């Protein structure tokens, strides 16, 4: 079966480390990395990136939590680096 994609194949890794200083608070640090295998075709997407995403989670109730943080590209190749702030609602069921 032929590959019709112009994009490079990638190796990806995700890590999450967290500490819970109390029943209501959790501190998280996520890292995301993408490493291109550099096998793209002409005009295909080919990039490397390493992101770090620290955040804090507040457990409002047993079922609902709020998470806020920032996602920051630390290093990369063939892309513009930047930062994104986020806030999210988490739930358990």
PDB file of N, CA and C in Angstrom:
ATOM      1  N   UNK A   1       0.844  -1.176   0.000  1.00  0.00           N
ATOM      2  CA  UNK A   1       0.000   0.000   0.000  1.00  0.00           C
ATOM      3  C   UNK A   1       0.891   1.242   0.000  1.00  0.00           C
ATOM      4  N   UNK A   2       0.681   2.132  -0.927  1.00  0.00           N
ATOM      5  CA  UNK A   2       1.522   3.320  -1.073  1.00  0.00           C
ATOM      6  C   UNK A   2       1.130   4.383  -0.059  1.00  0.00           C
ATOM      7  N   UNK A   3       2.141   5.102   0.433  1.00  0.00           N
ATOM      8  CA  UNK A   3       1.910   6.224   1.342  1.00  0.00           C
ATOM      9  C   UNK A   3       1.696   7.473   0.495  1.00  0.00           C
ATOM     10  N   UNK A   4       0.565   8.125   0.662  1.00  0.00           N
ATOM     11  CA  UNK A   4       0.244   9.298  -0.142  1.00  0.00           C
ATOM     12  C   UNK A   4       0.456  10.592   0.633  1.00  0.00           C
ATOM     13  N   UNK A   5       1.059  10.517   1.796  1.00  0.00           N
ATOM     14  CA  UNK A   5       1.252  11.693   2.632  1.00  0.00           C
ATOM     15  C   UNK A   5       2.503  12.451   2.226  1.00  0.00           C
ATOM     16  N   UNK A   6       2.423  13.763   2.278  1.00  0.00           N
ATOM     17  CA  UNK A   6       3.592  14.605   2.049  1.00  0.00           C
ATOM     18  C   UNK A   6       4.348  14.867   3.341  1.00  0.00           C
ATOM     19  N   UNK A   7       3.727  14.594   4.482  1.00  0.00           N
ATOM     20  CA  UNK A   7       4.313  14.904   5.783  1.00  0.00           C
ATOM     21  C   UNK A   7       5.337  13.849   6.194  1.00  0.00           C
ATOM     22  N   UNK A   8       6.337  14.291   6.942  1.00  0.00           N
ATOM     23  CA  UNK A   8       7.362  13.388   7.451  1.00  0.00           C
ATOM     24  C   UNK A   8       6.781  12.511   8.560  1.00  0.00           C
ATOM     25  N   UNK A   9       7.275  11.288   8.650  1.00  0.00           N
ATOM     26  CA  UNK A   9       6.949  10.450   9.799  1.00  0.00           C
ATOM     27  C   UNK A   9       7.596  11.066  11.032  1.00  0.00           C
ATOM     28  N   UNK A  10       7.019  10.797  12.212  1.00  0.00           N
ATOM     29  CA  UNK A  10       7.495  11.446  13.431  1.00  0.00           C
ATOM     30  C   UNK A  10       7.586  10.461  14.577  1.00  0.00           C
ATOM     31  N   UNK A  11       8.511  10.743  15.467  1.00  0.00           N
ATOM     32  CA  UNK A  11       8.558  10.104  16.774  1.00  0.00           C
ATOM     33  C   UNK A  11       8.005  11.114  17.761  1.00  0.00           C
ATOM     34  N   UNK A  12       7.104  10.675  18.647  1.00  0.00           N
ATOM     35  CA  UNK A  12       6.490  11.581  19.622  1.00  0.00           C
ATOM     36  C   UNK A  12       6.646  11.019  21.023  1.00  0.00           C
ATOM     37  N   UNK A  13       6.799  11.923  21.994  1.00  0.00           N
ATOM     38  CA  UNK A  13       6.889  11.503  23.386  1.00  0.00           C
ATOM     39  C   UNK A  13       6.150  12.510  24.262  1.00  0.00           C
ATOM     40  N   UNK A  14       5.433  11.999  25.226  1.00  0.00           N
ATOM     41  CA  UNK A  14       4.672  12.809  26.176  1.00  0.00           C
ATOM     42  C   UNK A  14       5.021  12.330  27.572  1.00  0.00           C
ATOM     43  N   UNK A  15       5.328  13.254  28.466  1.00  0.00           N
ATOM     44  CA  UNK A  15       5.539  12.910  29.872  1.00  0.00           C
ATOM     45  C   UNK A  15       4.688  13.832  30.735  1.00  0.00           C
ATOM     46  N   UNK A  16       4.250  13.333  31.867  1.00  0.00           N
ATOM     47  CA  UNK A  16       3.507  14.123  32.840  1.00  0.00           C
ATOM     48  C   UNK A  16       4.029  13.798  34.226  1.00  0.00           C
ATOM     49  N   UNK A  17       4.374  14.848  34.962  1.00  0.00           N
ATOM     50  CA  UNK A  17       4.803  14.717  36.346  1.00  0.00           C
ATOM     51  C   UNK A  17       3.901  15.622  37.166  1.00  0.00           C
ATOM     52  N   UNK A  18       3.420  15.125  38.297  1.00  0.00           N
ATOM     53  CA  UNK A  18       2.538  15.927  39.128  1.00  0.00           C
ATOM     54  C   UNK A  18       2.776  15.706  40.597  1.00  0.00           C
ATOM     55  N   UNK A  19       2.451  16.716  41.362  1.00  0.00           N
ATOM     56  CA  UNK A  19       2.444  16.590  42.815  1.00  0.00           C
ATOM     57  C   UNK A  19       1.118  17.133  43.321  1.00  0.00           C
ATOM     58  N   UNK A  20       0.675  16.565  44.417  1.00  0.00           N
ATOM     59  CA  UNK A  20      -0.605  16.950  45.003  1.00  0.00           C
ATOM     60  C   UNK A  20      -0.349  17.453  46.422  1.00  0.00           C
ATOM     61  N   UNK A  21      -0.102  18.771  46.574  1.00  0.00           N
ATOM     62  CA  UNK A  21       0.217  19.301  47.901  1.00  0.00           C
ATOM     63  C   UNK A  21      -0.961  19.275  48.880  1.00  0.00           C
ATOM     64  N   UNK A  22      -2.187  19.170  48.353  1.00  0.00           N
ATOM     65  CA  UNK A  22      -3.366  19.071  49.221  1.00  0.00           C
ATOM     66  C   UNK A  22      -4.464  18.344  48.457  1.00  0.00           C
ATOM     67  N   UNK A  23      -5.583  18.107  49.126  1.00  0.00           N
ATOM     68  CA  UNK A  23      -6.707  17.432  48.477  1.00  0.00           C
ATOM     69  C   UNK A  23      -7.329  18.266  47.357  1.00  0.00           C
ATOM     70  N   UNK A  24      -7.153  19.587  47.410  1.00  0.00           N
ATOM     71  CA  UNK A  24      -7.783  20.481  46.432  1.00  0.00           C
ATOM     72  C   UNK A  24      -6.861  20.911  45.299  1.00  0.00           C
ATOM     73  N   UNK A  25      -5.547  20.770  45.438  1.00  0.00           N
ATOM     74  CA  UNK A  25      -4.600  21.316  44.473  1.00  0.00           C
ATOM     75  C   UNK A  25      -3.685  20.238  43.909  1.00  0.00           C
ATOM     76  N   UNK A  26      -3.442  20.327  42.598  1.00  0.00           N
ATOM     77  CA  UNK A  26      -2.464  19.470  41.916  1.00  0.00           C
ATOM     78  C   UNK A  26      -1.628  20.350  41.001  1.00  0.00           C
ATOM     79  N   UNK A  27      -0.310  20.184  41.068  1.00  0.00           N
ATOM     80  CA  UNK A  27       0.605  20.889  40.181  1.00  0.00           C
ATOM     81  C   UNK A  27       1.110  19.889  39.142  1.00  0.00           C
ATOM     82  N   UNK A  28       0.997  20.240  37.871  1.00  0.00           N
ATOM     83  CA  UNK A  28       1.397  19.350  36.786  1.00  0.00           C
ATOM     84  C   UNK A  28       2.447  20.006  35.897  1.00  0.00           C
ATOM     85  N   UNK A  29       3.367  19.196  35.377  1.00  0.00           N
ATOM     86  CA  UNK A  29       4.295  19.629  34.338  1.00  0.00           C
ATOM     87  C   UNK A  29       4.276  18.554  33.259  1.00  0.00           C
ATOM     88  N   UNK A  30       3.823  18.932  32.074  1.00  0.00           N
ATOM     89  CA  UNK A  30       3.803  18.041  30.914  1.00  0.00           C
ATOM     90  C   UNK A  30       4.905  18.472  29.961  1.00  0.00           C
ATOM     91  N   UNK A  31       5.497  17.507  29.271  1.00  0.00           N
ATOM     92  CA  UNK A  31       6.400  17.813  28.165  1.00  0.00           C
ATOM     93  C   UNK A  31       5.918  17.050  26.943  1.00  0.00           C
ATOM     94  N   UNK A  32       6.041  17.685  25.790  1.00  0.00           N
ATOM     95  CA  UNK A  32       5.651  17.096  24.514  1.00  0.00           C
ATOM     96  C   UNK A  32       6.827  17.270  23.562  1.00  0.00           C
ATOM     97  N   UNK A  33       7.234  16.220  22.905  1.00  0.00           N
ATOM     98  CA  UNK A  33       8.287  16.367  21.902  1.00  0.00           C
ATOM     99  C   UNK A  33       7.884  15.640  20.624  1.00  0.00           C
ATOM    100  N   UNK A  34       8.245  16.250  19.507  1.00  0.00           N
ATOM    101  CA  UNK A  34       8.023  15.684  18.179  1.00  0.00           C
ATOM    102  C   UNK A  34       9.357  15.755  17.461  1.00  0.00           C
ATOM    103  N   UNK A  35       9.819  14.620  16.955  1.00  0.00           N
ATOM    104  CA  UNK A  35      11.075  14.541  16.203  1.00  0.00           C
ATOM    105  C   UNK A  35      10.752  13.994  14.817  1.00  0.00           C
ATOM    106  N   UNK A  36      11.036  14.792  13.800  1.00  0.00           N
ATOM    107  CA  UNK A  36      10.783  14.382  12.426  1.00  0.00           C
ATOM    108  C   UNK A  36      11.803  13.336  11.990  1.00  0.00           C
ATOM    109  N   UNK A  37      11.349  12.373  11.196  1.00  0.00           N
ATOM    110  CA  UNK A  37      12.262  11.404  10.602  1.00  0.00           C
ATOM    111  C   UNK A  37      12.822  11.916   9.274  1.00  0.00           C
ATOM    112  N   UNK A  38      12.408  13.116   8.885  1.00  0.00           N
ATOM    113  CA  UNK A  38      12.915  13.831   7.712  1.00  0.00           C
ATOM    114  C   UNK A  38      12.756  13.040   6.413  1.00  0.00           C
ATOM    115  N   UNK A  39      11.625  12.390   6.284  1.00  0.00           N
ATOM    116  CA  UNK A  39      11.345  11.638   5.054  1.00  0.00           C
ATOM    117  C   UNK A  39      10.156  12.217   4.294  1.00  0.00           C
ATOM    118  N   UNK A  40       9.927  13.516   4.447  1.00  0.00           N
ATOM    119  CA  UNK A  40       8.796  14.159   3.784  1.00  0.00           C
ATOM    120  C   UNK A  40       9.045  14.283   2.291  1.00  0.00           C
ATOM    121  N   UNK A  41       7.967  14.398   1.546  1.00  0.00           N
ATOM    122  CA  UNK A  41       8.053  14.662   0.112  1.00  0.00           C
ATOM    123  C   UNK A  41       8.093  16.173  -0.099  1.00  0.00           C
ATOM    124  N   UNK A  42       8.293  16.571  -1.316  1.00  0.00           N
ATOM    125  CA  UNK A  42       8.355  17.990  -1.660  1.00  0.00           C
ATOM    126  C   UNK A  42       7.132  18.722  -1.109  1.00  0.00           C
ATOM    127  N   UNK A  43       7.335  19.837  -0.456  1.00  0.00           N
ATOM    128  CA  UNK A  43       6.287  20.671   0.151  1.00  0.00           C
ATOM    129  C   UNK A  43       5.579  19.990   1.320  1.00  0.00           C
ATOM    130  N   UNK A  44       6.137  18.931   1.879  1.00  0.00           N
ATOM    131  CA  UNK A  44       5.535  18.269   3.029  1.00  0.00           C
ATOM    132  C   UNK A  44       5.933  18.942   4.331  1.00  0.00           C
ATOM    133  N   UNK A  45       5.209  18.641   5.383  1.00  0.00           N
ATOM    134  CA  UNK A  45       5.498  19.191   6.712  1.00  0.00           C
ATOM    135  C   UNK A  45       6.666  18.430   7.334  1.00  0.00           C
ATOM    136  N   UNK A  46       7.657  19.187   7.815  1.00  0.00           N
ATOM    137  CA  UNK A  46       8.840  18.601   8.438  1.00  0.00           C
ATOM    138  C   UNK A  46       9.275  19.533   9.557  1.00  0.00           C
ATOM    139  N   UNK A  47       9.096  19.121  10.803  1.00  0.00           N
ATOM    140  CA  UNK A  47       9.456  19.983  11.922  1.00  0.00           C
ATOM    141  C   UNK A  47       9.800  19.138  13.143  1.00  0.00           C
ATOM    142  N   UNK A  48      10.532  19.759  14.056  1.00  0.00           N
ATOM    143  CA  UNK A  48      10.816  19.213  15.375  1.00  0.00           C
ATOM    144  C   UNK A  48      10.341  20.250  16.378  1.00  0.00           C
ATOM    145  N   UNK A  49       9.865  19.802  17.540  1.00  0.00           N
ATOM    146  CA  UNK A  49       9.452  20.745  18.573  1.00  0.00           C
ATOM    147  C   UNK A  49       9.558  20.080  19.934  1.00  0.00           C
ATOM    148  N   UNK A  50       9.893  20.887  20.936  1.00  0.00           N
ATOM    149  CA  UNK A  50       9.867  20.468  22.331  1.00  0.00           C
ATOM    150  C   UNK A  50       9.069  21.512  23.094  1.00  0.00           C
ATOM    151  N   UNK A  51       7.977  21.073  23.744  1.00  0.00           N
ATOM    152  CA  UNK A  51       7.105  21.965  24.507  1.00  0.00           C
ATOM    153  C   UNK A  51       7.122  21.570  25.971  1.00  0.00           C
ATOM    154  N   UNK A  52       6.926  22.563  26.839  1.00  0.00           N
ATOM    155  CA  UNK A  52       6.717  22.319  28.259  1.00  0.00           C
ATOM    156  C   UNK A  52       5.390  22.981  28.628  1.00  0.00           C
ATOM    157  N   UNK A  53       4.629  22.313  29.492  1.00  0.00           N
ATOM    158  CA  UNK A  53       3.304  22.826  29.840  1.00  0.00           C
ATOM    159  C   UNK A  53       3.073  22.697  31.346  1.00  0.00           C
ATOM    160  N   UNK A  54       3.459  23.702  32.132  1.00  0.00           N
ATOM    161  CA  UNK A  54       3.122  23.685  33.548  1.00  0.00           C
ATOM    162  C   UNK A  54       1.674  24.140  33.743  1.00  0.00           C
ATOM    163  N   UNK A  55       1.001  23.545  34.724  1.00  0.00           N
ATOM    164  CA  UNK A  55      -0.377  23.942  35.011  1.00  0.00           C
ATOM    165  C   UNK A  55      -0.711  23.631  36.466  1.00  0.00           C
ATOM    166  N   UNK A  56      -1.811  24.192  36.890  1.00  0.00           N
ATOM    167  CA  UNK A  56      -2.321  23.965  38.239  1.00  0.00           C
ATOM    168  C   UNK A  56      -3.788  23.542  38.126  1.00  0.00           C
ATOM    169  N   UNK A  57      -4.172  22.576  38.928  1.00  0.00           N
ATOM    170  CA  UNK A  57      -5.543  22.067  38.927  1.00  0.00           C
ATOM    171  C   UNK A  57      -6.141  22.313  40.306  1.00  0.00           C
ATOM    172  N   UNK A  58      -7.304  22.949  40.330  1.00  0.00           N
ATOM    173  CA  UNK A  58      -8.047  23.168  41.569  1.00  0.00           C
ATOM    174  C   UNK A  58      -9.296  22.299  41.540  1.00  0.00           C
ATOM    175  N   UNK A  59      -9.402  21.414  42.493  1.00  0.00           N
ATOM    176  CA  UNK A  59     -10.551  20.523  42.595  1.00  0.00           C
ATOM    177  C   UNK A  59     -11.663  21.269  43.338  1.00  0.00           C
ATOM    178  N   UNK A  60     -12.641  21.768  42.582  1.00  0.00           N
ATOM    179  CA  UNK A  60     -13.734  22.558  43.152  1.00  0.00           C
ATOM    180  C   UNK A  60     -14.720  21.672  43.914  1.00  0.00           C
ATOM    181  N   UNK A  61     -15.024  20.502  43.365  1.00  0.00           N
ATOM    182  CA  UNK A  61     -15.906  19.530  44.008  1.00  0.00           C
ATOM    183  C   UNK A  61     -15.310  18.151  43.769  1.00  0.00           C
ATOM    184  N   UNK A  62     -15.959  17.133  44.280  1.00  0.00           N
ATOM    185  CA  UNK A  62     -15.473  15.771  44.053  1.00  0.00           C
ATOM    186  C   UNK A  62     -15.490  15.429  42.557  1.00  0.00           C
ATOM    187  N   UNK A  63     -16.383  16.039  41.812  1.00  0.00           N
ATOM    188  CA  UNK A  63     -16.555  15.716  40.398  1.00  0.00           C
ATOM    189  C   UNK A  63     -15.894  16.703  39.430  1.00  0.00           C
ATOM    190  N   UNK A  64     -15.808  17.993  39.786  1.00  0.00           N
ATOM    191  CA  UNK A  64     -15.336  19.016  38.861  1.00  0.00           C
ATOM    192  C   UNK A  64     -14.053  19.692  39.334  1.00  0.00           C
ATOM    193  N   UNK A  65     -13.177  19.976  38.360  1.00  0.00           N
ATOM    194  CA  UNK A  65     -11.918  20.674  38.626  1.00  0.00           C
ATOM    195  C   UNK A  65     -11.691  21.718  37.538  1.00  0.00           C
ATOM    196  N   UNK A  66     -10.933  22.754  37.880  1.00  0.00           N
ATOM    197  CA  UNK A  66     -10.490  23.761  36.922  1.00  0.00           C
ATOM    198  C   UNK A  66      -8.982  23.631  36.752  1.00  0.00           C
ATOM    199  N   UNK A  67      -8.509  23.713  35.520  1.00  0.00           N
ATOM    200  CA  UNK A  67      -7.081  23.640  35.230  1.00  0.00           C
ATOM    201  C   UNK A  67      -6.683  24.881  34.457  1.00  0.00           C
ATOM    202  N   UNK A  68      -5.548  25.475  34.826  1.00  0.00           N
ATOM    203  CA  UNK A  68      -5.034  26.646  34.119  1.00  0.00           C
ATOM    204  C   UNK A  68      -3.521  26.497  33.975  1.00  0.00           C
ATOM    205  N   UNK A  69      -3.004  26.972  32.847  1.00  0.00           N
ATOM    206  CA  UNK A  69      -1.567  26.868  32.644  1.00  0.00           C
ATOM    207  C   UNK A  69      -1.118  27.538  31.362  1.00  0.00           C
ATOM    208  N   UNK A  70       0.115  27.197  30.973  1.00  0.00           N
ATOM    209  CA  UNK A  70       0.717  27.744  29.762  1.00  0.00           C
ATOM    210  C   UNK A  70       1.434  26.612  29.032  1.00  0.00           C
ATOM    211  N   UNK A  71       1.352  26.625  27.711  1.00  0.00           N
ATOM    212  CA  UNK A  71       2.079  25.692  26.862  1.00  0.00           C
ATOM    213  C   UNK A  71       3.115  26.514  26.095  1.00  0.00           C
ATOM    214  N   UNK A  72       4.398  26.194  26.271  1.00  0.00           N
ATOM    215  CA  UNK A  72       5.487  27.001  25.700  1.00  0.00           C
ATOM    216  C   UNK A  72       6.416  26.120  24.888  1.00  0.00           C
ATOM    217  N   UNK A  73       6.651  26.511  23.636  1.00  0.00           N
ATOM    218  CA  UNK A  73       7.647  25.819  22.818  1.00  0.00           C
ATOM    219  C   UNK A  73       9.026  26.272  23.261  1.00  0.00           C
ATOM    220  N   UNK A  74       9.854  25.320  23.704  1.00  0.00           N
ATOM    221  CA  UNK A  74      11.194  25.619  24.197  1.00  0.00           C
ATOM    222  C   UNK A  74      12.179  25.701  23.028  1.00  0.00           C
ATOM    223  N   UNK A  75      12.079  24.759  22.135  1.00  0.00           N
ATOM    224  CA  UNK A  75      12.969  24.714  20.976  1.00  0.00           C
ATOM    225  C   UNK A  75      12.226  24.068  19.821  1.00  0.00           C
ATOM    226  N   UNK A  76      12.664  24.359  18.612  1.00  0.00           N
ATOM    227  CA  UNK A  76      12.014  23.773  17.463  1.00  0.00           C
ATOM    228  C   UNK A  76      12.782  24.036  16.180  1.00  0.00           C
ATOM    229  N   UNK A  77      12.374  23.367  15.141  1.00  0.00           N
ATOM    230  CA  UNK A  77      12.962  23.523  13.818  1.00  0.00           C
ATOM    231  C   UNK A  77      11.828  23.616  12.810  1.00  0.00           C
ATOM    232  N   UNK A  78      11.909  24.578  11.915  1.00  0.00           N
ATOM    233  CA  UNK A  78      10.926  24.798  10.850  1.00  0.00           C
ATOM    234  C   UNK A  78       9.547  25.212  11.360  1.00  0.00           C
ATOM    235  N   UNK A  79       9.506  25.946  12.469  1.00  0.00           N
ATOM    236  CA  UNK A  79       8.245  26.509  12.950  1.00  0.00           C
ATOM    237  C   UNK A  79       8.519  27.714  13.826  1.00  0.00           C
ATOM    238  N   UNK A  80       7.513  28.554  13.988  1.00  0.00           N
ATOM    239  CA  UNK A  80       7.621  29.726  14.852  1.00  0.00           C
ATOM    240  C   UNK A  80       7.312  29.308  16.287  1.00  0.00           C
ATOM    241  N   UNK A  81       8.187  29.679  17.207  1.00  0.00           N
ATOM    242  CA  UNK A  81       7.994  29.321  18.614  1.00  0.00           C
ATOM    243  C   UNK A  81       7.077  30.339  19.280  1.00  0.00           C
ATOM    244  N   UNK A  82       6.332  29.895  20.276  1.00  0.00           N
ATOM    245  CA  UNK A  82       5.428  30.788  20.984  1.00  0.00           C
ATOM    246  C   UNK A  82       4.897  30.146  22.244  1.00  0.00           C
ATOM    247  N   UNK A  83       3.890  30.787  22.814  1.00  0.00           N
ATOM    248  CA  UNK A  83       3.267  30.304  24.042  1.00  0.00           C
ATOM    249  C   UNK A  83       1.750  30.436  23.913  1.00  0.00           C
ATOM    250  N   UNK A  84       1.043  29.529  24.575  1.00  0.00           N
ATOM    251  CA  UNK A  84      -0.413  29.538  24.602  1.00  0.00           C
ATOM    252  C   UNK A  84      -0.864  29.375  26.046  1.00  0.00           C
ATOM    253  N   UNK A  85      -1.745  30.227  26.487  1.00  0.00           N
ATOM    254  CA  UNK A  85      -2.327  30.122  27.823  1.00  0.00           C
ATOM    255  C   UNK A  85      -3.663  29.409  27.705  1.00  0.00           C
ATOM    256  N   UNK A  86      -4.014  28.636  28.714  1.00  0.00           N
ATOM    257  CA  UNK A  86      -5.268  27.894  28.635  1.00  0.00           C
ATOM    258  C   UNK A  86      -5.927  27.785  30.004  1.00  0.00           C
ATOM    259  N   UNK A  87      -7.232  27.562  29.964  1.00  0.00           N
ATOM    260  CA  UNK A  87      -8.018  27.247  31.147  1.00  0.00           C
ATOM    261  C   UNK A  87      -9.016  26.171  30.712  1.00  0.00           C
ATOM    262  N   UNK A  88      -9.210  25.187  31.558  1.00  0.00           N
ATOM    263  CA  UNK A  88     -10.085  24.090  31.195  1.00  0.00           C
ATOM    264  C   UNK A  88     -10.908  23.583  32.359  1.00  0.00           C
ATOM    265  N   UNK A  89     -11.987  22.935  32.046  1.00  0.00           N
ATOM    266  CA  UNK A  89     -12.866  22.305  33.026  1.00  0.00           C
ATOM    267  C   UNK A  89     -12.661  20.794  32.915  1.00  0.00           C
ATOM    268  N   UNK A  90     -12.364  20.153  34.027  1.00  0.00           N
ATOM    269  CA  UNK A  90     -12.176  18.706  34.062  1.00  0.00           C
ATOM    270  C   UNK A  90     -13.305  18.097  34.875  1.00  0.00           C
ATOM    271  N   UNK A  91     -13.704  16.882  34.496  1.00  0.00           N
ATOM    272  CA  UNK A  91     -14.764  16.213  35.226  1.00  0.00           C
ATOM    273  C   UNK A  91     -14.442  14.732  35.385  1.00  0.00           C
ATOM    274  N   UNK A  92     -15.009  14.141  36.397  1.00  0.00           N
ATOM    275  CA  UNK A  92     -14.944  12.708  36.640  1.00  0.00           C
ATOM    276  C   UNK A  92     -16.349  12.152  36.558  1.00  0.00           C
ATOM    277  N   UNK A  93     -16.444  10.930  36.121  1.00  0.00           N
ATOM    278  CA  UNK A  93     -17.755  10.279  36.125  1.00  0.00           C
ATOM    279  C   UNK A  93     -17.583   8.790  36.264  1.00  0.00           C
TER     280      UNK A  93
END
